[in-house]
Amino acid sequence: GMVLSVLVILLLSVLYEALKMGKAVLLRRALLALPRSLSQEALTEPQEGDTDPAQGSPSVMGFPILSHRWFRYHVGQTLFHVVQVVLGYMVMLAVMSYNAWIFLGAIAGSTLGYFV
């Protein structure tokens, strides 16, 4: 029973660290999806006559397409964050059982997860 508990906490801690790294990678991709210069003109609605003849719809430097892609990355980051917070609280509650083996399992899992 205790060995399985320590192993589960160790794996949860590894997963927590992996989610932190995954969130950082997703943030980097989201930032790369943004246009190089985000001026106020690109963020506001296009004026009349600012249509792209190739697409036939209003577009400022292709911003609506980039905005949609950025939104998807932002939703992904939000989901990663929620899972990370839940895992963090689960590990915290396990450590608060004041069992030395559970504590060592959480520390070992965090170390292993960061290393990998």
N, C-alpha and C. Protein backbone atom coordinates (compact mmCIF):
# COMPACT_ATOMS: atom_id res chain seq x y z
N GLY A 1 0.79 -1.20 0.00
CA GLY A 1 0.00 0.00 0.00
C GLY A 1 0.84 1.26 0.00
N MET A 2 1.83 1.34 0.88
CA MET A 2 2.64 2.55 0.99
C MET A 2 3.52 2.73 -0.23
N VAL A 3 4.06 1.63 -0.75
CA VAL A 3 4.93 1.72 -1.92
C VAL A 3 4.13 2.24 -3.11
N LEU A 4 2.92 1.76 -3.28
CA LEU A 4 2.06 2.23 -4.37
C LEU A 4 1.72 3.70 -4.19
N SER A 5 1.47 4.14 -2.97
CA SER A 5 1.17 5.55 -2.71
C SER A 5 2.35 6.44 -3.07
N VAL A 6 3.54 6.02 -2.67
CA VAL A 6 4.74 6.81 -2.97
C VAL A 6 4.96 6.85 -4.48
N LEU A 7 4.75 5.73 -5.15
CA LEU A 7 4.92 5.68 -6.60
C LEU A 7 3.92 6.60 -7.32
N VAL A 8 2.68 6.61 -6.86
CA VAL A 8 1.66 7.48 -7.46
C VAL A 8 2.03 8.95 -7.26
N ILE A 9 2.46 9.32 -6.08
CA ILE A 9 2.87 10.70 -5.82
C ILE A 9 4.08 11.07 -6.66
N LEU A 10 5.02 10.14 -6.80
CA LEU A 10 6.19 10.37 -7.63
C LEU A 10 5.75 10.65 -9.08
N LEU A 11 4.85 9.84 -9.61
CA LEU A 11 4.38 10.03 -10.99
C LEU A 11 3.58 11.32 -11.14
N LEU A 12 2.78 11.67 -10.14
CA LEU A 12 2.04 12.94 -10.19
C LEU A 12 3.00 14.13 -10.21
N SER A 13 4.07 14.04 -9.45
CA SER A 13 5.05 15.12 -9.42
C SER A 13 5.78 15.24 -10.76
N VAL A 14 6.11 14.10 -11.37
CA VAL A 14 6.74 14.11 -12.69
C VAL A 14 5.79 14.74 -13.70
N LEU A 15 4.53 14.36 -13.64
CA LEU A 15 3.54 14.92 -14.57
C LEU A 15 3.37 16.42 -14.36
N TYR A 16 3.42 16.85 -13.12
CA TYR A 16 3.31 18.29 -12.81
C TYR A 16 4.45 19.06 -13.48
N GLU A 17 5.66 18.55 -13.35
CA GLU A 17 6.81 19.22 -13.97
C GLU A 17 6.72 19.17 -15.49
N ALA A 18 6.24 18.07 -16.04
CA ALA A 18 6.08 17.96 -17.50
C ALA A 18 5.06 18.97 -18.00
N LEU A 19 4.00 19.17 -17.25
CA LEU A 19 2.99 20.16 -17.64
C LEU A 19 3.55 21.57 -17.60
N LYS A 20 4.41 21.84 -16.63
CA LYS A 20 5.04 23.17 -16.59
C LYS A 20 5.86 23.41 -17.85
N MET A 21 6.59 22.42 -18.29
CA MET A 21 7.40 22.57 -19.50
C MET A 21 6.50 22.66 -20.74
N GLY A 22 5.44 21.86 -20.77
CA GLY A 22 4.52 21.91 -21.90
C GLY A 22 3.84 23.26 -22.02
N LYS A 23 3.52 23.84 -20.88
CA LYS A 23 2.90 25.17 -20.88
C LYS A 23 3.86 26.22 -21.41
N ALA A 24 5.13 26.10 -21.07
CA ALA A 24 6.13 27.05 -21.56
C ALA A 24 6.30 26.92 -23.08
N VAL A 25 6.30 25.70 -23.58
CA VAL A 25 6.41 25.48 -25.04
C VAL A 25 5.20 26.06 -25.74
N LEU A 26 4.03 25.84 -25.17
CA LEU A 26 2.81 26.37 -25.78
C LEU A 26 2.80 27.89 -25.77
N LEU A 27 3.32 28.50 -24.71
CA LEU A 27 3.41 29.96 -24.65
C LEU A 27 4.34 30.47 -25.75
N ARG A 28 5.44 29.79 -25.96
CA ARG A 28 6.38 30.20 -27.01
C ARG A 28 5.72 30.13 -28.38
N ARG A 29 4.98 29.06 -28.63
CA ARG A 29 4.28 28.93 -29.92
C ARG A 29 3.21 30.00 -30.08
N ALA A 30 2.53 30.32 -28.99
CA ALA A 30 1.49 31.35 -29.05
C ALA A 30 2.11 32.70 -29.36
N LEU A 31 3.25 32.99 -28.77
CA LEU A 31 3.91 34.26 -29.05
C LEU A 31 4.42 34.32 -30.48
N LEU A 32 4.85 33.19 -31.01
CA LEU A 32 5.29 33.17 -32.41
C LEU A 32 4.12 33.30 -33.37
N ALA A 33 2.91 32.97 -32.92
CA ALA A 33 1.74 33.07 -33.78
C ALA A 33 1.24 34.51 -33.90
N LEU A 34 1.67 35.37 -32.99
CA LEU A 34 1.27 36.77 -33.06
C LEU A 34 2.05 37.48 -34.16
N PRO A 35 1.47 38.50 -34.76
CA PRO A 35 2.22 39.26 -35.76
C PRO A 35 3.39 39.99 -35.10
N ARG A 36 4.38 40.34 -35.92
CA ARG A 36 5.59 40.98 -35.39
C ARG A 36 5.28 42.28 -34.68
N SER A 37 4.42 43.12 -35.27
CA SER A 37 4.09 44.38 -34.60
C SER A 37 2.59 44.43 -34.39
N LEU A 38 2.21 44.52 -33.16
CA LEU A 38 0.79 44.63 -32.82
C LEU A 38 0.47 46.10 -32.56
N SER A 39 0.19 46.82 -33.61
CA SER A 39 -0.17 48.22 -33.44
C SER A 39 -1.67 48.31 -33.16
N GLN A 40 -2.10 49.47 -32.73
CA GLN A 40 -3.52 49.67 -32.46
C GLN A 40 -4.35 49.49 -33.72
N GLU A 41 -3.79 49.83 -34.89
CA GLU A 41 -4.56 49.67 -36.13
C GLU A 41 -4.87 48.20 -36.39
N ALA A 42 -3.94 47.31 -36.05
CA ALA A 42 -4.16 45.89 -36.29
C ALA A 42 -5.17 45.31 -35.31
N LEU A 43 -5.33 45.93 -34.16
CA LEU A 43 -6.25 45.41 -33.16
C LEU A 43 -7.68 45.93 -33.33
N THR A 44 -7.85 47.04 -34.03
CA THR A 44 -9.18 47.60 -34.20
C THR A 44 -9.83 47.05 -35.45
N GLU A 45 -11.11 47.30 -35.57
CA GLU A 45 -11.84 46.87 -36.77
C GLU A 45 -11.30 47.61 -37.98
N PRO A 46 -11.19 46.93 -39.12
CA PRO A 46 -10.70 47.60 -40.32
C PRO A 46 -11.70 48.65 -40.81
N GLN A 47 -11.14 49.71 -41.37
CA GLN A 47 -11.97 50.78 -41.91
C GLN A 47 -12.60 50.33 -43.22
N GLU A 48 -13.63 51.04 -43.65
CA GLU A 48 -14.26 50.70 -44.92
C GLU A 48 -13.25 50.90 -46.03
N GLY A 49 -13.26 49.97 -46.97
CA GLY A 49 -12.33 50.05 -48.08
C GLY A 49 -11.04 49.29 -47.81
N ASP A 50 -10.84 48.81 -46.58
CA ASP A 50 -9.64 48.04 -46.25
C ASP A 50 -9.92 46.55 -46.44
N THR A 51 -10.25 46.15 -47.63
CA THR A 51 -10.50 44.75 -47.89
C THR A 51 -9.34 44.17 -48.67
N ASP A 52 -9.09 42.93 -48.46
CA ASP A 52 -8.04 42.23 -49.17
C ASP A 52 -8.68 41.62 -50.42
N PRO A 53 -8.27 42.04 -51.60
CA PRO A 53 -8.93 41.54 -52.80
C PRO A 53 -8.75 40.04 -52.99
N ALA A 54 -7.68 39.47 -52.47
CA ALA A 54 -7.48 38.03 -52.65
C ALA A 54 -8.49 37.23 -51.84
N GLN A 55 -8.86 37.72 -50.68
CA GLN A 55 -9.78 36.98 -49.83
C GLN A 55 -11.19 37.52 -49.89
N GLY A 56 -11.33 38.75 -50.22
CA GLY A 56 -12.66 39.34 -50.31
C GLY A 56 -13.27 39.68 -48.97
N SER A 57 -12.52 39.58 -47.90
CA SER A 57 -13.04 39.92 -46.58
C SER A 57 -12.09 40.90 -45.92
N PRO A 58 -12.58 41.69 -44.97
CA PRO A 58 -11.70 42.65 -44.30
C PRO A 58 -10.55 41.93 -43.59
N SER A 59 -9.36 42.48 -43.77
CA SER A 59 -8.19 41.88 -43.14
C SER A 59 -7.10 42.93 -43.04
N VAL A 60 -6.48 43.00 -41.88
CA VAL A 60 -5.34 43.89 -41.70
C VAL A 60 -4.13 43.01 -41.48
N MET A 61 -3.28 42.90 -42.45
CA MET A 61 -2.06 42.09 -42.40
C MET A 61 -2.37 40.65 -41.99
N GLY A 62 -3.51 40.10 -42.37
CA GLY A 62 -3.85 38.73 -42.02
C GLY A 62 -4.13 38.54 -40.54
N PHE A 63 -4.44 39.60 -39.82
CA PHE A 63 -4.59 39.51 -38.37
C PHE A 63 -5.72 38.58 -37.92
N PRO A 64 -6.90 38.53 -38.59
CA PRO A 64 -7.94 37.63 -38.09
C PRO A 64 -7.50 36.17 -38.06
N ILE A 65 -6.71 35.75 -39.02
CA ILE A 65 -6.24 34.37 -39.03
C ILE A 65 -5.27 34.16 -37.86
N LEU A 66 -4.36 35.08 -37.66
CA LEU A 66 -3.41 34.96 -36.57
C LEU A 66 -4.10 35.04 -35.22
N SER A 67 -5.14 35.86 -35.14
CA SER A 67 -5.88 35.99 -33.89
C SER A 67 -6.55 34.68 -33.52
N HIS A 68 -7.11 33.99 -34.51
CA HIS A 68 -7.77 32.71 -34.25
C HIS A 68 -6.76 31.67 -33.77
N ARG A 69 -5.60 31.65 -34.40
CA ARG A 69 -4.57 30.69 -34.01
C ARG A 69 -4.09 31.03 -32.59
N TRP A 70 -3.89 32.30 -32.28
CA TRP A 70 -3.46 32.70 -30.95
C TRP A 70 -4.50 32.30 -29.92
N PHE A 71 -5.78 32.46 -30.25
CA PHE A 71 -6.86 32.10 -29.32
C PHE A 71 -6.82 30.61 -29.00
N ARG A 72 -6.58 29.78 -30.01
CA ARG A 72 -6.49 28.33 -29.77
C ARG A 72 -5.34 28.01 -28.84
N TYR A 73 -4.19 28.65 -29.04
CA TYR A 73 -3.06 28.43 -28.15
C TYR A 73 -3.39 28.90 -26.74
N HIS A 74 -4.11 29.99 -26.62
CA HIS A 74 -4.47 30.52 -25.31
C HIS A 74 -5.42 29.57 -24.58
N VAL A 75 -6.37 28.99 -25.30
CA VAL A 75 -7.27 28.00 -24.69
C VAL A 75 -6.46 26.78 -24.23
N GLY A 76 -5.52 26.36 -25.05
CA GLY A 76 -4.66 25.23 -24.67
C GLY A 76 -3.86 25.54 -23.42
N GLN A 77 -3.31 26.75 -23.34
CA GLN A 77 -2.56 27.15 -22.15
C GLN A 77 -3.45 27.16 -20.92
N THR A 78 -4.67 27.62 -21.08
CA THR A 78 -5.60 27.67 -19.96
C THR A 78 -5.89 26.26 -19.44
N LEU A 79 -6.12 25.32 -20.35
CA LEU A 79 -6.37 23.94 -19.94
C LEU A 79 -5.15 23.34 -19.25
N PHE A 80 -3.96 23.60 -19.80
CA PHE A 80 -2.73 23.14 -19.16
C PHE A 80 -2.64 23.71 -17.74
N HIS A 81 -2.98 24.98 -17.59
CA HIS A 81 -2.88 25.63 -16.27
C HIS A 81 -3.83 24.99 -15.27
N VAL A 82 -5.06 24.71 -15.69
CA VAL A 82 -6.04 24.11 -14.78
C VAL A 82 -5.56 22.73 -14.32
N VAL A 83 -5.07 21.93 -15.26
CA VAL A 83 -4.58 20.59 -14.89
C VAL A 83 -3.36 20.71 -13.98
N GLN A 84 -2.49 21.68 -14.26
CA GLN A 84 -1.31 21.88 -13.43
C GLN A 84 -1.69 22.28 -12.00
N VAL A 85 -2.66 23.16 -11.86
CA VAL A 85 -3.09 23.59 -10.52
C VAL A 85 -3.71 22.42 -9.76
N VAL A 86 -4.54 21.63 -10.44
CA VAL A 86 -5.17 20.47 -9.77
C VAL A 86 -4.10 19.48 -9.31
N LEU A 87 -3.14 19.18 -10.19
CA LEU A 87 -2.08 18.26 -9.80
C LEU A 87 -1.25 18.82 -8.64
N GLY A 88 -0.97 20.11 -8.69
CA GLY A 88 -0.20 20.73 -7.62
C GLY A 88 -0.90 20.62 -6.28
N TYR A 89 -2.21 20.86 -6.28
CA TYR A 89 -2.95 20.74 -5.02
C TYR A 89 -3.03 19.29 -4.54
N MET A 90 -3.13 18.35 -5.47
CA MET A 90 -3.16 16.94 -5.07
C MET A 90 -1.84 16.53 -4.41
N VAL A 91 -0.73 16.95 -5.01
CA VAL A 91 0.58 16.64 -4.42
C VAL A 91 0.72 17.34 -3.08
N MET A 92 0.26 18.59 -2.99
CA MET A 92 0.35 19.32 -1.73
C MET A 92 -0.45 18.61 -0.63
N LEU A 93 -1.65 18.17 -0.96
CA LEU A 93 -2.46 17.47 0.05
C LEU A 93 -1.81 16.17 0.49
N ALA A 94 -1.18 15.48 -0.46
CA ALA A 94 -0.49 14.24 -0.09
C ALA A 94 0.69 14.52 0.83
N VAL A 95 1.44 15.58 0.54
CA VAL A 95 2.58 15.94 1.38
C VAL A 95 2.10 16.36 2.76
N MET A 96 0.94 16.98 2.83
CA MET A 96 0.42 17.42 4.13
C MET A 96 -0.08 16.27 4.99
N SER A 97 0.05 15.04 4.51
CA SER A 97 -0.25 13.89 5.36
C SER A 97 0.87 13.68 6.37
N TYR A 98 1.97 14.45 6.21
CA TYR A 98 3.11 14.39 7.13
C TYR A 98 3.75 13.01 7.17
N ASN A 99 3.72 12.35 6.03
CA ASN A 99 4.41 11.07 5.91
C ASN A 99 5.72 11.33 5.19
N ALA A 100 6.81 10.93 5.80
CA ALA A 100 8.13 11.22 5.23
C ALA A 100 8.33 10.55 3.88
N TRP A 101 7.81 9.36 3.69
CA TRP A 101 7.97 8.65 2.42
C TRP A 101 7.21 9.35 1.30
N ILE A 102 6.01 9.82 1.60
CA ILE A 102 5.22 10.56 0.60
C ILE A 102 5.95 11.85 0.23
N PHE A 103 6.49 12.52 1.24
CA PHE A 103 7.25 13.75 1.00
C PHE A 103 8.45 13.47 0.11
N LEU A 104 9.20 12.42 0.41
CA LEU A 104 10.36 12.08 -0.41
C LEU A 104 9.95 11.68 -1.83
N GLY A 105 8.80 11.02 -1.96
CA GLY A 105 8.29 10.68 -3.29
C GLY A 105 7.96 11.92 -4.10
N ALA A 106 7.38 12.92 -3.45
CA ALA A 106 7.05 14.18 -4.15
C ALA A 106 8.33 14.91 -4.55
N ILE A 107 9.31 14.94 -3.68
CA ILE A 107 10.58 15.60 -3.99
C ILE A 107 11.30 14.86 -5.13
N ALA A 108 11.35 13.53 -5.04
CA ALA A 108 12.00 12.74 -6.09
C ALA A 108 11.29 12.90 -7.43
N GLY A 109 9.96 12.94 -7.41
CA GLY A 109 9.19 13.12 -8.64
C GLY A 109 9.42 14.49 -9.26
N SER A 110 9.46 15.51 -8.44
CA SER A 110 9.74 16.86 -8.96
C SER A 110 11.14 16.95 -9.54
N THR A 111 12.09 16.33 -8.86
CA THR A 111 13.47 16.34 -9.36
C THR A 111 13.57 15.58 -10.68
N LEU A 112 12.98 14.41 -10.73
CA LEU A 112 13.01 13.59 -11.94
C LEU A 112 12.28 14.28 -13.09
N GLY A 113 11.12 14.88 -12.79
CA GLY A 113 10.36 15.58 -13.83
C GLY A 113 11.10 16.76 -14.38
N TYR A 114 11.79 17.51 -13.55
CA TYR A 114 12.57 18.64 -14.01
C TYR A 114 13.77 18.19 -14.82
N PHE A 115 14.39 17.10 -14.39
CA PHE A 115 15.56 16.57 -15.09
C PHE A 115 15.19 16.09 -16.49
N VAL A 116 14.08 15.40 -16.60
CA VAL A 116 13.64 14.86 -17.90
C VAL A 116 13.10 15.99 -18.72
